Amino acid sequence: MYTIRKGEKADLPRILELVMELAIYEKAPEQVSNTVEMMEADGFGENPVFGSFVAVKDSTNEIIGISIFYYRYSTWKGRRLYLEDIVVTASERGNGAGKLLFDRTMLKCLEDKCTGMMWQVLDWNEPAINFYKKYGADLDGEWINCNLQAEDIKNILEKG
């Protein structure tokens, strides 16, 4: 029903559409400032910083899901694969594409000799939480997410 393959440069417009679908689902579409051009440079340029898999519906050859990942380094654990996003378009959810994408991403973790895989899930996203629980994932509610936007960093550093 679905084929999972490595994401390609030509897939980026559809990948970004699915990212926007996720942002709408997470009630934050205004937060998306990424572009196809940025993703092309960041994923397919001289020093790629992310990788991807796509789920293609066999009957239509349409990309209906994505897994976006990159590597991070834990001083405690070593090299880790970080799953940034896994998205399956709403009309295809529950048909197995998410499992295939997740399984392929876990396999990539092992292929690249990572010590584990990490990701985040919103505390209100019950379908996703239940999906990850089926894998026996450790859902740690102890850590607080932190971030600064580039513009904020610039302002902070200018002020000294």
Protein backbone atom coordinates (compact mmCIF):
# COMPACT_ATOMS: atom_id res chain seq x y z
CA MET A 1 0.00 0.00 0.00
CA TYR A 2 2.93 2.36 0.77
CA THR A 3 6.55 2.56 -0.25
CA ILE A 4 9.06 4.21 2.07
CA ARG A 5 12.07 5.79 0.39
CA LYS A 6 14.72 8.41 1.05
CA GLY A 7 13.48 11.94 0.46
CA GLU A 8 14.74 13.66 -2.69
CA LYS A 9 15.22 17.29 -3.64
CA ALA A 10 12.20 17.09 -5.96
CA ASP A 11 10.05 16.05 -2.96
CA LEU A 12 10.66 19.28 -1.04
CA PRO A 13 7.54 21.21 -2.13
CA ARG A 14 5.35 18.32 -0.93
CA ILE A 15 7.45 17.86 2.20
CA LEU A 16 6.93 21.53 3.08
CA GLU A 17 3.18 21.15 2.45
CA LEU A 18 3.10 18.32 4.99
CA VAL A 19 5.13 20.41 7.45
CA MET A 20 2.49 23.14 7.08
CA GLU A 21 -0.27 20.57 7.58
CA LEU A 22 1.41 19.60 10.85
CA ALA A 23 1.76 23.25 11.88
CA ILE A 24 -1.96 23.79 11.26
CA TYR A 25 -2.77 20.67 13.30
CA GLU A 26 -0.55 21.98 16.09
CA LYS A 27 -2.31 25.37 15.90
CA ALA A 28 0.84 27.29 14.90
CA PRO A 29 0.93 27.80 11.12
CA GLU A 30 2.26 31.34 11.58
CA GLN A 31 5.42 29.85 13.10
CA VAL A 32 6.51 28.23 9.82
CA SER A 33 9.11 30.42 8.10
CA ASN A 34 10.97 27.64 6.30
CA THR A 35 11.03 27.59 2.50
CA VAL A 36 11.74 25.02 -0.18
CA GLU A 37 14.95 26.94 -0.97
CA MET A 38 16.10 26.77 2.65
CA MET A 39 15.29 23.07 2.83
CA GLU A 40 17.16 22.46 -0.41
CA ALA A 41 20.29 24.16 0.95
CA ASP A 42 19.97 22.53 4.37
CA GLY A 43 19.11 19.03 3.20
CA PHE A 44 20.85 18.73 -0.13
CA GLY A 45 23.64 21.31 -0.03
CA GLU A 46 27.34 20.82 0.61
CA ASN A 47 26.85 19.97 4.29
CA PRO A 48 23.33 18.55 4.77
CA VAL A 49 21.95 19.02 8.26
CA PHE A 50 18.83 16.87 7.94
CA GLY A 51 17.64 13.73 6.23
CA SER A 52 14.21 12.52 5.32
CA PHE A 53 12.09 9.57 4.34
CA VAL A 54 8.83 9.83 2.45
CA ALA A 55 5.84 7.51 2.39
CA VAL A 56 4.45 7.16 -1.13
CA LYS A 57 0.98 5.76 -1.67
CA ASP A 58 1.45 3.00 -4.21
CA SER A 59 -1.90 3.44 -5.96
CA THR A 60 -1.43 7.17 -6.66
CA ASN A 61 2.36 7.67 -6.38
CA GLU A 62 1.57 10.60 -4.03
CA ILE A 63 3.72 11.44 -1.01
CA ILE A 64 1.38 11.11 1.95
CA GLY A 65 3.88 11.11 4.83
CA ILE A 66 7.33 12.22 5.90
CA SER A 67 9.96 11.63 8.54
CA ILE A 68 12.51 14.42 9.03
CA PHE A 69 15.55 13.69 11.19
CA TYR A 70 19.01 14.89 12.07
CA TYR A 71 21.81 13.96 14.44
CA ARG A 72 22.60 15.42 17.81
CA TYR A 73 25.26 14.64 20.30
CA SER A 74 24.58 13.76 23.91
CA THR A 75 27.48 14.14 26.33
CA TRP A 76 25.94 11.28 28.29
CA LYS A 77 24.98 8.93 25.46
CA GLY A 78 26.95 9.93 22.33
CA ARG A 79 25.49 10.17 18.83
CA ARG A 80 21.68 10.25 18.78
CA LEU A 81 19.17 10.42 15.94
CA TYR A 82 16.64 13.18 16.53
CA LEU A 83 13.26 12.73 14.86
CA GLU A 84 12.18 16.30 14.17
CA ASP A 85 8.84 15.50 12.57
CA ILE A 86 6.83 12.55 11.44
CA VAL A 87 3.69 13.52 9.53
CA VAL A 88 1.04 11.54 7.72
CA THR A 89 -1.62 13.51 5.89
CA ALA A 90 -4.94 13.38 7.73
CA SER A 91 -6.78 11.26 5.16
CA GLU A 92 -4.14 8.49 5.37
CA ARG A 93 -3.71 8.29 9.15
CA GLY A 94 -4.42 4.94 10.73
CA ASN A 95 -3.52 2.95 7.62
CA GLY A 96 0.04 1.99 8.58
CA ALA A 97 2.12 4.68 6.85
CA GLY A 98 3.19 6.24 10.16
CA LYS A 99 4.40 2.88 11.46
CA LEU A 100 6.37 2.26 8.27
CA LEU A 101 7.99 5.71 8.50
CA PHE A 102 8.76 5.32 12.20
CA ASP A 103 10.19 1.82 11.69
CA ARG A 104 12.39 3.03 8.81
CA THR A 105 13.64 5.93 10.93
CA MET A 106 14.48 3.54 13.78
CA LEU A 107 16.38 1.37 11.31
CA LYS A 108 18.33 4.45 10.15
CA CYS A 109 19.26 5.05 13.79
CA LEU A 110 20.78 1.57 13.98
CA GLU A 111 22.39 1.76 10.52
CA ASP A 112 24.20 4.94 11.55
CA LYS A 113 25.31 3.41 14.87
CA CYS A 114 23.43 5.93 16.98
CA THR A 115 22.92 5.10 20.65
CA GLY A 116 19.21 5.88 20.42
CA MET A 117 16.48 8.02 18.93
CA MET A 118 14.81 11.04 20.47
CA TRP A 119 11.81 13.23 19.62
CA GLN A 120 9.16 15.42 21.19
CA VAL A 121 5.39 15.19 21.23
CA LEU A 122 2.91 17.80 22.41
CA ASP A 123 1.25 16.82 25.68
CA TRP A 124 -2.23 17.19 24.16
CA ASN A 125 -1.56 15.08 21.06
CA GLU A 126 -3.16 11.89 22.37
CA PRO A 127 -3.10 9.99 19.04
CA ALA A 128 0.67 10.53 18.75
CA ILE A 129 1.28 9.74 22.41
CA ASN A 130 -0.67 6.49 22.08
CA PHE A 131 1.27 5.65 18.90
CA TYR A 132 4.61 6.07 20.70
CA LYS A 133 3.40 4.14 23.75
CA LYS A 134 2.87 1.11 21.50
CA TYR A 135 6.64 1.13 21.00
CA GLY A 136 7.34 1.35 24.73
CA ALA A 137 8.83 4.83 24.33
CA ASP A 138 9.94 6.68 27.44
CA LEU A 139 7.70 9.77 27.58
CA ASP A 140 9.65 12.08 29.85
CA GLY A 141 7.64 15.04 31.14
CA GLU A 142 10.48 16.36 33.31
CA TRP A 143 12.47 18.44 30.80
CA ILE A 144 11.42 21.94 29.75
CA ASN A 145 11.95 22.95 26.12
CA CYS A 146 13.96 26.14 25.61
CA ASN A 147 14.66 28.19 22.51
CA LEU A 148 15.74 31.59 21.26
CA GLN A 149 14.97 32.95 17.82
CA ALA A 150 17.86 34.34 15.74
CA GLU A 151 16.45 37.88 16.01
CA ASP A 152 16.31 37.55 19.83
CA ILE A 153 19.90 36.31 19.93
CA LYS A 154 21.03 39.22 17.78
CA ASN A 155 19.29 41.72 20.08
CA ILE A 156 20.74 40.11 23.21
CA LEU A 157 24.27 40.10 21.85
CA GLU A 158 24.02 43.71 20.62
CA LYS A 159 22.99 44.85 24.09
CA GLY A 160 25.98 43.04 25.58
